[in-house]
């Protein structure tokens, strides 16, 4: 299935590009994601934890990133497997940065996603799109905060400041059940409004 999202970051394309090019920063801002190891040739081994009601899955696999600096775009390809639920996921994500008139950055994302196994029963395109929209909102909020914090540190240099190193930790699993419940409430609200507000 194809998933499309776009959002605007209130920073210049140069700053946003630098942030998105750092896979560790992206993983820290993405609910449920973590990077386990860096491999040769822009490849990484990572995990993505998701909880959907009684079903909890941790996808482990590899991803590869191809950057196009001149076009300020990138393609991220990956696949992973959760052995407990026998679920599999494969995705190819492409993002493009475009400067806005206000000096900010619009990011357009297109993802081709394939689900198989136990989690595939929740793979309705409309529902996945809604969940992806809400994940994007959470990611943008965390990413904006990281960029603003980094900019503030850059503007205020310190003497003998320690070097920053990313520490691999296990993030809390993405609570997809909570997201789906929120999506269902929105869908029911729209249906109710259409039903009782017909001309």
Protein backbone atom coordinates (compact mmCIF):
# COMPACT_ATOMS: atom_id res chain seq x y z
CA UNK A 1 0.00 0.00 0.00
CA UNK A 2 1.09 3.58 -0.60
CA UNK A 3 1.15 6.12 2.24
CA UNK A 4 1.66 9.83 1.63
CA UNK A 5 2.42 12.54 4.18
CA UNK A 6 3.78 16.05 4.16
CA UNK A 7 4.64 18.56 6.85
CA UNK A 8 6.48 21.84 7.35
CA UNK A 9 9.44 22.32 9.67
CA UNK A 10 10.15 25.85 10.89
CA UNK A 11 13.84 25.63 10.05
CA UNK A 12 15.87 26.14 6.88
CA UNK A 13 16.35 23.23 4.43
CA UNK A 14 20.05 23.09 5.39
CA UNK A 15 19.23 22.46 9.05
CA UNK A 16 16.39 20.04 8.28
CA UNK A 17 18.56 18.11 5.81
CA UNK A 18 21.30 17.73 8.41
CA UNK A 19 18.79 16.46 10.97
CA UNK A 20 17.09 13.98 8.64
CA UNK A 21 20.47 12.73 7.42
CA UNK A 22 21.32 11.67 10.98
CA UNK A 23 19.60 8.31 11.35
CA UNK A 24 20.10 8.33 15.12
CA UNK A 25 18.27 11.64 15.47
CA UNK A 26 15.43 10.35 13.30
CA UNK A 27 15.15 7.12 15.32
CA UNK A 28 15.05 9.03 18.61
CA UNK A 29 12.16 11.15 17.32
CA UNK A 30 10.20 8.24 15.81
CA UNK A 31 7.99 6.40 18.34
CA UNK A 32 9.10 2.78 18.82
CA UNK A 33 12.23 3.01 16.65
CA UNK A 34 15.87 2.39 17.59
CA UNK A 35 19.16 1.76 15.80
CA UNK A 36 21.11 -1.29 16.97
CA UNK A 37 24.19 -1.26 14.72
CA UNK A 38 25.77 0.70 11.89
CA UNK A 39 26.78 -1.46 8.91
CA UNK A 40 28.90 -0.68 5.83
CA UNK A 41 27.50 1.15 2.79
CA UNK A 42 24.87 3.30 4.54
CA UNK A 43 23.12 0.28 6.01
CA UNK A 44 21.88 -0.10 9.57
CA UNK A 45 20.42 -2.79 11.77
CA UNK A 46 17.43 -1.57 13.73
CA UNK A 47 14.26 -2.34 15.66
CA UNK A 48 10.71 -1.06 15.58
CA UNK A 49 8.44 -1.96 18.49
CA UNK A 50 4.67 -1.70 18.18
CA UNK A 51 1.84 -2.69 20.53
CA UNK A 52 -1.67 -3.27 19.25
CA UNK A 53 -4.02 -4.37 22.02
CA UNK A 54 -2.81 -7.76 23.29
CA UNK A 55 -0.42 -8.11 20.35
CA UNK A 56 3.11 -6.76 20.85
CA UNK A 57 5.65 -7.00 18.06
CA UNK A 58 9.28 -5.99 17.72
CA UNK A 59 10.44 -5.93 14.12
CA UNK A 60 14.16 -6.49 13.69
CA UNK A 61 15.88 -6.04 10.36
CA UNK A 62 18.06 -3.89 8.16
CA UNK A 63 17.58 -0.63 6.33
CA UNK A 64 19.58 1.16 3.65
CA UNK A 65 19.66 4.90 3.01
CA UNK A 66 20.49 6.59 -0.30
CA UNK A 67 20.95 10.37 -0.11
CA UNK A 68 20.81 12.83 -3.00
CA UNK A 69 22.40 16.01 -1.64
CA UNK A 70 21.79 18.08 -4.78
CA UNK A 71 18.08 17.23 -4.88
CA UNK A 72 17.79 17.22 -1.08
CA UNK A 73 15.95 13.93 -1.20
CA UNK A 74 16.57 10.44 0.10
CA UNK A 75 15.24 6.91 -0.17
CA UNK A 76 15.10 4.58 2.82
CA UNK A 77 14.51 0.88 2.14
CA UNK A 78 14.10 -1.73 4.82
CA UNK A 79 12.48 -4.94 5.93
CA UNK A 80 12.02 -6.60 9.28
CA UNK A 81 10.53 -9.63 11.00
CA UNK A 82 8.89 -10.23 14.37
CA UNK A 83 9.47 -13.85 15.32
CA UNK A 84 6.88 -13.92 18.11
CA UNK A 85 3.91 -12.95 15.95
CA UNK A 86 5.35 -14.26 12.66
CA UNK A 87 4.74 -10.83 11.16
CA UNK A 88 6.84 -9.32 8.40
CA UNK A 89 7.12 -5.78 7.08
CA UNK A 90 8.84 -4.32 4.06
CA UNK A 91 8.91 -0.63 3.20
CA UNK A 92 10.48 1.85 0.82
CA UNK A 93 10.27 5.49 1.89
CA UNK A 94 11.20 8.51 -0.22
CA UNK A 95 11.32 12.06 1.12
CA UNK A 96 11.88 15.38 -0.61
CA UNK A 97 12.73 18.76 0.94
CA UNK A 98 11.36 21.98 -0.59
CA UNK A 99 12.07 25.49 0.77
CA UNK A 100 9.08 27.72 1.52
CA UNK A 101 8.74 31.46 1.00
CA UNK A 102 9.01 31.95 4.77
CA UNK A 103 12.43 30.28 4.86
CA UNK A 104 11.06 27.07 6.34
CA UNK A 105 11.09 23.56 4.86
CA UNK A 106 8.26 21.45 3.45
CA UNK A 107 8.92 17.72 3.63
CA UNK A 108 6.97 15.36 1.35
CA UNK A 109 7.07 11.63 2.11
CA UNK A 110 5.86 8.69 0.03
CA UNK A 111 6.01 5.20 1.51
CA UNK A 112 5.31 1.83 -0.10
CA UNK A 113 4.48 -0.59 2.72
CA UNK A 114 3.83 -4.33 2.69
CA UNK A 115 2.63 -6.20 5.80
CA UNK A 116 2.33 -9.96 6.24
CA UNK A 117 1.43 -12.18 9.17
CA UNK A 118 -0.60 -11.37 12.28
CA UNK A 119 -0.35 -7.60 11.94
CA UNK A 120 -1.56 -7.70 8.34
CA UNK A 121 -5.16 -7.98 9.61
CA UNK A 122 -4.83 -4.35 10.70
CA UNK A 123 -3.40 -3.31 7.34
CA UNK A 124 -6.43 -1.57 5.85
CA UNK A 125 -5.10 1.29 3.73
CA UNK A 126 -7.39 3.96 5.19
CA UNK A 127 -6.57 2.98 8.78
CA UNK A 128 -2.82 2.74 8.14
CA UNK A 129 -2.89 6.18 6.50
CA UNK A 130 -4.62 7.68 9.55
CA UNK A 131 -2.17 6.01 11.94
CA UNK A 132 0.73 7.23 9.79
CA UNK A 133 -0.65 10.77 9.98
CA UNK A 134 -0.67 10.66 13.78
CA UNK A 135 2.82 9.13 13.94
CA UNK A 136 3.97 11.96 11.69
CA UNK A 137 2.52 14.54 14.08
CA UNK A 138 4.42 12.98 17.00
CA UNK A 139 7.63 12.76 14.96
CA UNK A 140 7.44 16.38 13.78
CA UNK A 141 6.93 17.65 17.33
CA UNK A 142 9.95 15.71 18.62
CA UNK A 143 12.08 16.58 15.58
CA UNK A 144 11.28 20.30 15.84
CA UNK A 145 12.25 20.21 19.50
CA UNK A 146 15.57 18.50 18.73
CA UNK A 147 16.43 21.01 16.00
CA UNK A 148 15.53 23.99 18.18
CA UNK A 149 17.54 22.59 21.08
CA UNK A 150 20.54 21.98 18.82
CA UNK A 151 20.29 25.50 17.37
CA UNK A 152 20.20 26.99 20.88
CA UNK A 153 23.31 25.03 21.87
CA UNK A 154 25.09 26.14 18.69
CA UNK A 155 24.25 29.79 19.36
CA UNK A 156 25.65 29.51 22.90
CA UNK A 157 29.13 27.97 22.68
CA UNK A 158 30.59 26.52 25.86
CA UNK A 159 34.19 25.90 26.96
CA UNK A 160 35.34 22.29 27.06
CA UNK A 161 31.85 21.04 26.21
CA UNK A 162 31.71 17.25 26.14
CA UNK A 163 31.20 15.61 22.78
CA UNK A 164 27.70 14.29 22.17
CA UNK A 165 27.37 10.57 21.58
CA UNK A 166 24.18 8.73 20.85
CA UNK A 167 23.37 6.07 23.39
CA UNK A 168 21.39 3.08 22.16
CA UNK A 169 18.37 2.59 24.39
CA UNK A 170 15.17 0.64 24.03
CA UNK A 171 12.41 3.17 23.34
CA UNK A 172 8.81 2.60 24.46
CA UNK A 173 6.80 0.64 21.91
CA UNK A 174 4.54 2.52 19.57
CA UNK A 175 1.04 2.16 21.03
CA UNK A 176 -0.79 1.56 17.76
CA UNK A 177 -3.86 0.44 19.67
CA UNK A 178 -4.20 3.91 21.18
CA UNK A 179 -3.69 5.46 17.75
CA UNK A 180 -6.27 3.15 16.17
CA UNK A 181 -8.77 3.97 18.91
CA UNK A 182 -8.28 7.65 18.21
CA UNK A 183 -8.68 7.04 14.48
CA UNK A 184 -11.89 5.07 15.06
CA UNK A 185 -13.30 7.89 17.17
CA UNK A 186 -12.58 10.34 14.36
CA UNK A 187 -14.21 8.08 11.78
CA UNK A 188 -17.29 7.60 13.95
CA UNK A 189 -17.53 11.35 14.53
CA UNK A 190 -17.41 12.00 10.78
CA UNK A 191 -20.03 9.31 10.12
CA UNK A 192 -22.31 10.70 12.85
CA UNK A 193 -21.97 14.24 11.49
CA UNK A 194 -22.81 13.14 7.94
CA UNK A 195 -25.78 11.08 9.15
CA UNK A 196 -27.48 13.85 11.12
CA UNK A 197 -26.45 16.87 9.07
CA UNK A 198 -27.71 15.85 5.68
CA UNK A 199 -29.40 18.66 3.70
